[in-house]
Amino acid sequence: MAKIVVEVMLKPEILDPQGKAVAAALPRLGFTFAKSVRQGKRFEIEVDSDPTPAQLAEVSRAAETLLANPVIETFIVKVEK
């Protein structure tokens, strides 16, 4: 069994209020490691066997149509075993 992962992030030029809120909260909680924070989404799609190039292309089309808003978001499709 394999897993196709689609990671969706806001484009860098788009404001990320949730990321800013997390970045502001971290130091108040004693965490000082973060310079900035961007928030995103992760979709995990399980398939029976190693995905074919055609399946990956189909997932990319689904990401572009349903999982991400290409006007304000970018996405990456990758395979995890």
N, C-alpha and C. Protein backbone atom coordinates (compact mmCIF):
# COMPACT_ATOMS: atom_id res chain seq x y z
N MET A 1 0.85 -1.18 0.00
CA MET A 1 0.00 0.00 0.00
C MET A 1 0.89 1.23 0.00
N ALA A 2 0.51 2.23 -0.75
CA ALA A 2 1.26 3.47 -0.82
C ALA A 2 0.33 4.63 -0.48
N LYS A 3 0.94 5.76 -0.21
CA LYS A 3 0.18 6.94 0.16
C LYS A 3 0.62 8.09 -0.75
N ILE A 4 -0.36 8.72 -1.38
CA ILE A 4 -0.10 9.94 -2.15
C ILE A 4 -0.44 11.11 -1.24
N VAL A 5 0.49 12.03 -1.10
CA VAL A 5 0.29 13.18 -0.23
C VAL A 5 0.22 14.44 -1.08
N VAL A 6 -0.78 15.26 -0.79
CA VAL A 6 -0.90 16.56 -1.43
C VAL A 6 -0.75 17.61 -0.33
N GLU A 7 0.31 18.42 -0.44
CA GLU A 7 0.53 19.50 0.51
C GLU A 7 0.15 20.81 -0.15
N VAL A 8 -0.72 21.57 0.51
CA VAL A 8 -1.24 22.82 -0.03
C VAL A 8 -0.79 23.95 0.88
N MET A 9 -0.22 24.97 0.29
CA MET A 9 0.23 26.15 1.05
C MET A 9 -0.25 27.42 0.36
N LEU A 10 -0.48 28.45 1.17
CA LEU A 10 -0.78 29.75 0.59
C LEU A 10 0.45 30.24 -0.17
N LYS A 11 0.24 30.95 -1.26
CA LYS A 11 1.36 31.55 -1.97
C LYS A 11 2.05 32.55 -1.05
N PRO A 12 3.36 32.75 -1.21
CA PRO A 12 4.09 33.63 -0.28
C PRO A 12 3.54 35.05 -0.20
N GLU A 13 2.97 35.55 -1.29
CA GLU A 13 2.47 36.92 -1.28
C GLU A 13 1.08 37.07 -0.64
N ILE A 14 0.45 35.96 -0.29
CA ILE A 14 -0.87 35.98 0.33
C ILE A 14 -0.72 36.05 1.85
N LEU A 15 -1.44 36.96 2.49
CA LEU A 15 -1.40 37.07 3.95
C LEU A 15 -1.92 35.79 4.58
N ASP A 16 -1.30 35.40 5.70
CA ASP A 16 -1.65 34.17 6.40
C ASP A 16 -1.98 34.51 7.86
N PRO A 17 -3.23 34.93 8.15
CA PRO A 17 -3.56 35.34 9.51
C PRO A 17 -3.40 34.22 10.54
N GLN A 18 -3.70 32.98 10.18
CA GLN A 18 -3.55 31.88 11.13
C GLN A 18 -2.07 31.65 11.44
N GLY A 19 -1.23 31.70 10.43
CA GLY A 19 0.20 31.57 10.65
C GLY A 19 0.74 32.69 11.52
N LYS A 20 0.28 33.91 11.28
CA LYS A 20 0.70 35.05 12.11
C LYS A 20 0.25 34.87 13.56
N ALA A 21 -0.96 34.37 13.77
CA ALA A 21 -1.46 34.14 15.13
C ALA A 21 -0.62 33.10 15.85
N VAL A 22 -0.26 32.03 15.16
CA VAL A 22 0.59 30.99 15.76
C VAL A 22 1.97 31.57 16.06
N ALA A 23 2.52 32.33 15.11
CA ALA A 23 3.85 32.94 15.32
C ALA A 23 3.84 33.87 16.52
N ALA A 24 2.75 34.60 16.73
CA ALA A 24 2.66 35.50 17.88
C ALA A 24 2.48 34.74 19.18
N ALA A 25 1.79 33.60 19.14
CA ALA A 25 1.53 32.82 20.36
C ALA A 25 2.75 32.04 20.83
N LEU A 26 3.60 31.60 19.92
CA LEU A 26 4.75 30.78 20.31
C LEU A 26 5.63 31.44 21.37
N PRO A 27 6.08 32.70 21.19
CA PRO A 27 6.92 33.30 22.23
C PRO A 27 6.20 33.48 23.57
N ARG A 28 4.90 33.74 23.51
CA ARG A 28 4.14 33.88 24.76
C ARG A 28 4.11 32.57 25.53
N LEU A 29 4.27 31.45 24.82
CA LEU A 29 4.28 30.13 25.46
C LEU A 29 5.70 29.65 25.75
N GLY A 30 6.67 30.50 25.50
CA GLY A 30 8.05 30.17 25.81
C GLY A 30 8.84 29.54 24.68
N PHE A 31 8.28 29.49 23.48
CA PHE A 31 8.99 28.92 22.33
C PHE A 31 9.58 30.06 21.51
N THR A 32 10.89 30.06 21.36
CA THR A 32 11.55 31.18 20.69
C THR A 32 12.25 30.77 19.40
N PHE A 33 11.99 29.59 18.91
CA PHE A 33 12.71 29.07 17.74
C PHE A 33 12.21 29.61 16.41
N ALA A 34 10.98 30.12 16.33
CA ALA A 34 10.36 30.44 15.04
C ALA A 34 10.59 31.89 14.64
N LYS A 35 11.06 32.06 13.42
CA LYS A 35 11.18 33.39 12.83
C LYS A 35 9.84 33.81 12.23
N SER A 36 9.15 32.85 11.59
CA SER A 36 7.81 33.08 11.04
C SER A 36 7.11 31.73 10.90
N VAL A 37 5.80 31.77 10.69
CA VAL A 37 5.00 30.55 10.55
C VAL A 37 4.03 30.73 9.38
N ARG A 38 3.92 29.70 8.55
CA ARG A 38 2.92 29.66 7.48
C ARG A 38 2.09 28.41 7.72
N GLN A 39 0.80 28.51 7.58
CA GLN A 39 -0.12 27.41 7.82
C GLN A 39 -0.54 26.83 6.48
N GLY A 40 -0.73 25.50 6.43
CA GLY A 40 -1.15 24.85 5.20
C GLY A 40 -2.07 23.67 5.47
N LYS A 41 -2.32 22.89 4.42
CA LYS A 41 -3.17 21.70 4.52
C LYS A 41 -2.41 20.51 3.96
N ARG A 42 -2.73 19.32 4.47
CA ARG A 42 -2.13 18.08 3.98
C ARG A 42 -3.25 17.07 3.75
N PHE A 43 -3.28 16.50 2.55
CA PHE A 43 -4.24 15.46 2.21
C PHE A 43 -3.47 14.17 1.98
N GLU A 44 -3.91 13.08 2.58
CA GLU A 44 -3.29 11.77 2.41
C GLU A 44 -4.27 10.86 1.69
N ILE A 45 -3.84 10.31 0.56
CA ILE A 45 -4.70 9.46 -0.28
C ILE A 45 -4.03 8.10 -0.37
N GLU A 46 -4.67 7.08 0.19
CA GLU A 46 -4.11 5.73 0.15
C GLU A 46 -4.51 5.03 -1.14
N VAL A 47 -3.54 4.32 -1.73
CA VAL A 47 -3.79 3.53 -2.94
C VAL A 47 -3.23 2.13 -2.71
N ASP A 48 -3.72 1.16 -3.47
CA ASP A 48 -3.36 -0.24 -3.26
C ASP A 48 -1.90 -0.56 -3.55
N SER A 49 -1.34 0.06 -4.59
CA SER A 49 0.04 -0.24 -4.97
C SER A 49 0.75 1.06 -5.33
N ASP A 50 1.98 0.94 -5.76
CA ASP A 50 2.70 2.14 -6.17
C ASP A 50 1.90 2.87 -7.24
N PRO A 51 1.69 4.17 -7.07
CA PRO A 51 0.88 4.90 -8.03
C PRO A 51 1.59 5.03 -9.37
N THR A 52 0.82 4.97 -10.41
CA THR A 52 1.33 5.13 -11.76
C THR A 52 1.43 6.63 -12.08
N PRO A 53 2.19 6.98 -13.09
CA PRO A 53 2.22 8.39 -13.52
C PRO A 53 0.83 8.92 -13.86
N ALA A 54 -0.02 8.06 -14.43
CA ALA A 54 -1.39 8.50 -14.75
C ALA A 54 -2.18 8.82 -13.48
N GLN A 55 -2.01 8.00 -12.44
CA GLN A 55 -2.70 8.27 -11.17
C GLN A 55 -2.20 9.57 -10.55
N LEU A 56 -0.90 9.78 -10.58
CA LEU A 56 -0.35 11.02 -10.02
C LEU A 56 -0.85 12.24 -10.79
N ALA A 57 -0.97 12.10 -12.10
CA ALA A 57 -1.51 13.20 -12.90
C ALA A 57 -2.97 13.46 -12.54
N GLU A 58 -3.71 12.39 -12.30
CA GLU A 58 -5.12 12.54 -11.91
C GLU A 58 -5.24 13.21 -10.54
N VAL A 59 -4.36 12.85 -9.60
CA VAL A 59 -4.36 13.50 -8.29
C VAL A 59 -4.01 14.97 -8.44
N SER A 60 -3.06 15.29 -9.31
CA SER A 60 -2.71 16.70 -9.55
C SER A 60 -3.91 17.48 -10.09
N ARG A 61 -4.66 16.87 -11.00
CA ARG A 61 -5.86 17.52 -11.52
C ARG A 61 -6.89 17.72 -10.41
N ALA A 62 -7.04 16.71 -9.54
CA ALA A 62 -7.97 16.83 -8.41
C ALA A 62 -7.52 17.93 -7.46
N ALA A 63 -6.23 18.02 -7.22
CA ALA A 63 -5.71 19.07 -6.34
C ALA A 63 -5.98 20.45 -6.92
N GLU A 64 -5.77 20.58 -8.21
CA GLU A 64 -5.98 21.86 -8.88
C GLU A 64 -7.46 22.24 -8.91
N THR A 65 -8.33 21.24 -8.96
CA THR A 65 -9.78 21.47 -9.07
C THR A 65 -10.47 21.59 -7.72
N LEU A 66 -10.08 20.73 -6.77
CA LEU A 66 -10.83 20.61 -5.52
C LEU A 66 -10.02 20.92 -4.26
N LEU A 67 -8.80 20.42 -4.17
CA LEU A 67 -8.05 20.49 -2.92
C LEU A 67 -7.37 21.83 -2.69
N ALA A 68 -7.03 22.52 -3.75
CA ALA A 68 -6.35 23.81 -3.63
C ALA A 68 -7.06 24.87 -4.46
N ASN A 69 -6.90 26.11 -4.06
CA ASN A 69 -7.37 27.24 -4.85
C ASN A 69 -6.14 27.81 -5.56
N PRO A 70 -5.95 27.49 -6.85
CA PRO A 70 -4.72 27.88 -7.52
C PRO A 70 -4.49 29.39 -7.62
N VAL A 71 -5.50 30.19 -7.35
CA VAL A 71 -5.33 31.64 -7.37
C VAL A 71 -4.47 32.08 -6.18
N ILE A 72 -4.67 31.45 -5.02
CA ILE A 72 -3.96 31.89 -3.81
C ILE A 72 -3.09 30.80 -3.17
N GLU A 73 -3.15 29.56 -3.70
CA GLU A 73 -2.42 28.46 -3.08
C GLU A 73 -1.57 27.72 -4.11
N THR A 74 -0.51 27.10 -3.61
CA THR A 74 0.30 26.19 -4.41
C THR A 74 0.14 24.81 -3.80
N PHE A 75 0.48 23.77 -4.58
CA PHE A 75 0.41 22.42 -4.02
C PHE A 75 1.54 21.57 -4.57
N ILE A 76 1.88 20.55 -3.80
CA ILE A 76 2.88 19.57 -4.18
C ILE A 76 2.26 18.19 -4.02
N VAL A 77 2.45 17.32 -5.01
CA VAL A 77 1.98 15.94 -4.95
C VAL A 77 3.21 15.06 -4.81
N LYS A 78 3.23 14.20 -3.80
CA LYS A 78 4.36 13.29 -3.61
C LYS A 78 3.85 11.94 -3.11
N VAL A 79 4.71 10.94 -3.19
CA VAL A 79 4.36 9.59 -2.77
C VAL A 79 5.14 9.24 -1.52
N GLU A 80 4.44 8.72 -0.50
CA GLU A 80 5.07 8.19 0.71
C GLU A 80 4.76 6.71 0.80
N LYS A 81 5.73 5.93 1.20
CA LYS A 81 5.51 4.49 1.33
C LYS A 81 5.16 4.15 2.76
